[in-house]
Amino acid sequence: MKVIDILQRLEQMDQLIRLKATGSPRAFATRLGISKSSLYNYLELLRMLGGPVQYNQQLSTFEYEYSVVLQLGFVKK
């Protein structure tokens, strides 16, 4: 998989997590078109980048423990 594909997947995941629209792990993986084990690998990558991702069982969705912004890429100074 190309790096750009990984970055796009992380951005897609971030958007769904931010909206609290992931559903269960199985539903989230299905929505992304990946396996559940791949989903957990991507979630671990988000956590390694500092994303406070957690699963809310009451809402049945992944969410951020506190407000964060994912920035991938360069910004002109």
N, C-alpha and C. Protein backbone atom coordinates (compact mmCIF):
# COMPACT_ATOMS: atom_id res chain seq x y z
N MET A 1 0.84 -1.19 0.00
CA MET A 1 0.00 0.00 0.00
C MET A 1 0.88 1.24 0.00
N LYS A 2 0.51 2.22 -0.78
CA LYS A 2 1.27 3.46 -0.88
C LYS A 2 1.03 4.34 0.34
N VAL A 3 2.01 5.15 0.65
CA VAL A 3 1.91 6.06 1.80
C VAL A 3 0.71 6.98 1.66
N ILE A 4 0.45 7.48 0.44
CA ILE A 4 -0.68 8.38 0.23
C ILE A 4 -2.00 7.68 0.55
N ASP A 5 -2.08 6.38 0.24
CA ASP A 5 -3.29 5.62 0.54
C ASP A 5 -3.49 5.50 2.05
N ILE A 6 -2.40 5.29 2.77
CA ILE A 6 -2.47 5.19 4.22
C ILE A 6 -2.92 6.51 4.82
N LEU A 7 -2.35 7.61 4.35
CA LEU A 7 -2.72 8.94 4.85
C LEU A 7 -4.19 9.25 4.57
N GLN A 8 -4.65 8.89 3.39
CA GLN A 8 -6.06 9.11 3.05
C GLN A 8 -6.97 8.28 3.93
N ARG A 9 -6.57 7.04 4.21
CA ARG A 9 -7.36 6.17 5.09
C ARG A 9 -7.43 6.77 6.50
N LEU A 10 -6.31 7.28 7.00
CA LEU A 10 -6.29 7.89 8.33
C LEU A 10 -7.20 9.11 8.38
N GLU A 11 -7.20 9.91 7.32
CA GLU A 11 -8.07 11.08 7.26
C GLU A 11 -9.54 10.67 7.23
N GLN A 12 -9.84 9.62 6.49
CA GLN A 12 -11.21 9.11 6.42
C GLN A 12 -11.66 8.61 7.80
N MET A 13 -10.78 7.88 8.46
CA MET A 13 -11.09 7.38 9.79
C MET A 13 -11.29 8.53 10.77
N ASP A 14 -10.42 9.53 10.69
CA ASP A 14 -10.52 10.69 11.57
C ASP A 14 -11.87 11.38 11.41
N GLN A 15 -12.31 11.54 10.18
CA GLN A 15 -13.59 12.20 9.94
C GLN A 15 -14.74 11.41 10.57
N LEU A 16 -14.74 10.11 10.39
CA LEU A 16 -15.82 9.28 10.96
C LEU A 16 -15.76 9.25 12.48
N ILE A 17 -14.55 9.20 13.03
CA ILE A 17 -14.40 9.23 14.49
C ILE A 17 -14.88 10.57 15.03
N ARG A 18 -14.50 11.65 14.38
CA ARG A 18 -14.89 12.99 14.79
C ARG A 18 -16.42 13.15 14.79
N LEU A 19 -17.08 12.54 13.81
CA LEU A 19 -18.54 12.60 13.70
C LEU A 19 -19.23 11.59 14.61
N LYS A 20 -18.43 10.74 15.26
CA LYS A 20 -18.97 9.63 16.08
C LYS A 20 -19.93 8.79 15.24
N ALA A 21 -19.46 8.46 14.03
CA ALA A 21 -20.28 7.73 13.06
C ALA A 21 -19.59 6.46 12.58
N THR A 22 -18.81 5.82 13.47
CA THR A 22 -18.09 4.63 13.05
C THR A 22 -18.91 3.37 13.19
N GLY A 23 -19.80 3.33 14.17
CA GLY A 23 -20.50 2.09 14.49
C GLY A 23 -19.54 1.15 15.21
N SER A 24 -19.91 -0.10 15.25
CA SER A 24 -19.10 -1.13 15.90
C SER A 24 -17.79 -1.33 15.14
N PRO A 25 -16.81 -2.01 15.74
CA PRO A 25 -15.58 -2.28 15.00
C PRO A 25 -15.83 -2.99 13.66
N ARG A 26 -16.72 -3.95 13.67
CA ARG A 26 -17.03 -4.67 12.42
C ARG A 26 -17.66 -3.73 11.39
N ALA A 27 -18.59 -2.89 11.83
CA ALA A 27 -19.24 -1.94 10.92
C ALA A 27 -18.24 -0.91 10.40
N PHE A 28 -17.35 -0.46 11.26
CA PHE A 28 -16.34 0.52 10.87
C PHE A 28 -15.42 -0.08 9.81
N ALA A 29 -14.95 -1.30 10.05
CA ALA A 29 -14.08 -1.98 9.08
C ALA A 29 -14.79 -2.16 7.75
N THR A 30 -16.05 -2.57 7.80
CA THR A 30 -16.84 -2.76 6.59
C THR A 30 -17.00 -1.44 5.84
N ARG A 31 -17.30 -0.38 6.57
CA ARG A 31 -17.46 0.95 5.96
C ARG A 31 -16.18 1.38 5.24
N LEU A 32 -15.04 1.02 5.81
CA LEU A 32 -13.75 1.40 5.22
C LEU A 32 -13.29 0.41 4.14
N GLY A 33 -13.95 -0.73 4.05
CA GLY A 33 -13.56 -1.75 3.07
C GLY A 33 -12.30 -2.48 3.45
N ILE A 34 -12.08 -2.67 4.75
CA ILE A 34 -10.89 -3.36 5.25
C ILE A 34 -11.30 -4.43 6.25
N SER A 35 -10.37 -5.29 6.60
CA SER A 35 -10.64 -6.31 7.61
C SER A 35 -10.63 -5.69 9.01
N LYS A 36 -11.21 -6.41 9.95
CA LYS A 36 -11.22 -5.93 11.33
C LYS A 36 -9.79 -5.84 11.89
N SER A 37 -8.94 -6.78 11.52
CA SER A 37 -7.55 -6.73 12.00
C SER A 37 -6.82 -5.53 11.41
N SER A 38 -7.08 -5.19 10.15
CA SER A 38 -6.49 -3.99 9.55
C SER A 38 -7.00 -2.73 10.25
N LEU A 39 -8.29 -2.74 10.61
CA LEU A 39 -8.85 -1.60 11.33
C LEU A 39 -8.07 -1.36 12.62
N TYR A 40 -7.82 -2.43 13.37
CA TYR A 40 -7.09 -2.28 14.63
C TYR A 40 -5.65 -1.81 14.40
N ASN A 41 -5.05 -2.22 13.30
CA ASN A 41 -3.71 -1.72 12.96
C ASN A 41 -3.74 -0.23 12.68
N TYR A 42 -4.74 0.24 11.94
CA TYR A 42 -4.87 1.67 11.66
C TYR A 42 -5.18 2.45 12.94
N LEU A 43 -6.03 1.90 13.80
CA LEU A 43 -6.33 2.58 15.06
C LEU A 43 -5.08 2.71 15.91
N GLU A 44 -4.24 1.69 15.90
CA GLU A 44 -2.99 1.75 16.64
C GLU A 44 -2.08 2.83 16.06
N LEU A 45 -2.07 2.96 14.75
CA LEU A 45 -1.28 4.00 14.11
C LEU A 45 -1.78 5.39 14.52
N LEU A 46 -3.10 5.58 14.54
CA LEU A 46 -3.66 6.85 15.01
C LEU A 46 -3.21 7.13 16.44
N ARG A 47 -3.23 6.11 17.28
CA ARG A 47 -2.80 6.28 18.68
C ARG A 47 -1.31 6.62 18.76
N MET A 48 -0.50 5.99 17.92
CA MET A 48 0.94 6.27 17.91
C MET A 48 1.21 7.71 17.48
N LEU A 49 0.32 8.27 16.66
CA LEU A 49 0.45 9.66 16.23
C LEU A 49 -0.10 10.64 17.27
N GLY A 50 -0.61 10.10 18.38
CA GLY A 50 -1.11 10.95 19.46
C GLY A 50 -2.62 11.05 19.53
N GLY A 51 -3.32 10.30 18.70
CA GLY A 51 -4.78 10.34 18.71
C GLY A 51 -5.35 9.58 19.90
N PRO A 52 -6.11 10.25 20.76
CA PRO A 52 -6.69 9.60 21.93
C PRO A 52 -7.97 8.83 21.59
N VAL A 53 -7.84 7.82 20.74
CA VAL A 53 -8.99 7.07 20.25
C VAL A 53 -9.45 6.08 21.32
N GLN A 54 -10.76 6.07 21.54
CA GLN A 54 -11.34 5.09 22.46
C GLN A 54 -12.68 4.64 21.88
N TYR A 55 -13.16 3.51 22.37
CA TYR A 55 -14.45 3.01 21.92
C TYR A 55 -15.49 3.29 22.99
N ASN A 56 -16.58 3.91 22.60
CA ASN A 56 -17.69 4.21 23.51
C ASN A 56 -18.75 3.14 23.31
N GLN A 57 -18.86 2.21 24.26
CA GLN A 57 -19.81 1.10 24.12
C GLN A 57 -21.26 1.57 24.18
N GLN A 58 -21.53 2.61 24.97
CA GLN A 58 -22.91 3.12 25.06
C GLN A 58 -23.40 3.68 23.73
N LEU A 59 -22.52 4.40 23.03
CA LEU A 59 -22.89 4.97 21.74
C LEU A 59 -22.57 4.04 20.57
N SER A 60 -21.83 2.98 20.85
CA SER A 60 -21.41 2.02 19.83
C SER A 60 -20.64 2.71 18.71
N THR A 61 -19.62 3.48 19.10
CA THR A 61 -18.80 4.20 18.13
C THR A 61 -17.42 4.50 18.72
N PHE A 62 -16.45 4.67 17.86
CA PHE A 62 -15.15 5.15 18.30
C PHE A 62 -15.25 6.66 18.43
N GLU A 63 -14.48 7.22 19.35
CA GLU A 63 -14.47 8.66 19.56
C GLU A 63 -13.11 9.07 20.09
N TYR A 64 -12.87 10.37 20.11
CA TYR A 64 -11.65 10.88 20.72
C TYR A 64 -11.95 11.22 22.18
N GLU A 65 -11.03 10.87 23.06
CA GLU A 65 -11.20 11.13 24.49
C GLU A 65 -11.29 12.63 24.77
N TYR A 66 -10.57 13.42 23.98
CA TYR A 66 -10.62 14.88 24.07
C TYR A 66 -10.39 15.43 22.67
N SER A 67 -10.68 16.70 22.50
CA SER A 67 -10.62 17.33 21.18
C SER A 67 -9.19 17.40 20.64
N VAL A 68 -9.01 16.92 19.43
CA VAL A 68 -7.71 16.95 18.75
C VAL A 68 -7.93 17.29 17.29
N VAL A 69 -6.84 17.63 16.61
CA VAL A 69 -6.86 17.90 15.17
C VAL A 69 -5.79 17.04 14.52
N LEU A 70 -6.17 16.27 13.52
CA LEU A 70 -5.21 15.47 12.76
C LEU A 70 -4.73 16.31 11.59
N GLN A 71 -3.41 16.51 11.50
CA GLN A 71 -2.84 17.26 10.40
C GLN A 71 -1.79 16.40 9.72
N LEU A 72 -2.06 16.05 8.47
CA LEU A 72 -1.13 15.25 7.68
C LEU A 72 -0.73 16.07 6.47
N GLY A 73 0.54 16.36 6.36
CA GLY A 73 1.02 17.15 5.23
C GLY A 73 1.71 18.41 5.69
N PHE A 74 2.00 19.25 4.73
CA PHE A 74 2.75 20.47 4.99
C PHE A 74 1.84 21.68 4.91
N VAL A 75 2.18 22.69 5.69
CA VAL A 75 1.46 23.96 5.66
C VAL A 75 2.47 25.04 5.34
N LYS A 76 2.15 25.91 4.38
CA LYS A 76 3.04 26.98 3.99
C LYS A 76 3.13 28.01 5.11
N LYS A 77 4.37 28.42 5.42
CA LYS A 77 4.59 29.42 6.46
C LYS A 77 4.39 30.80 5.92
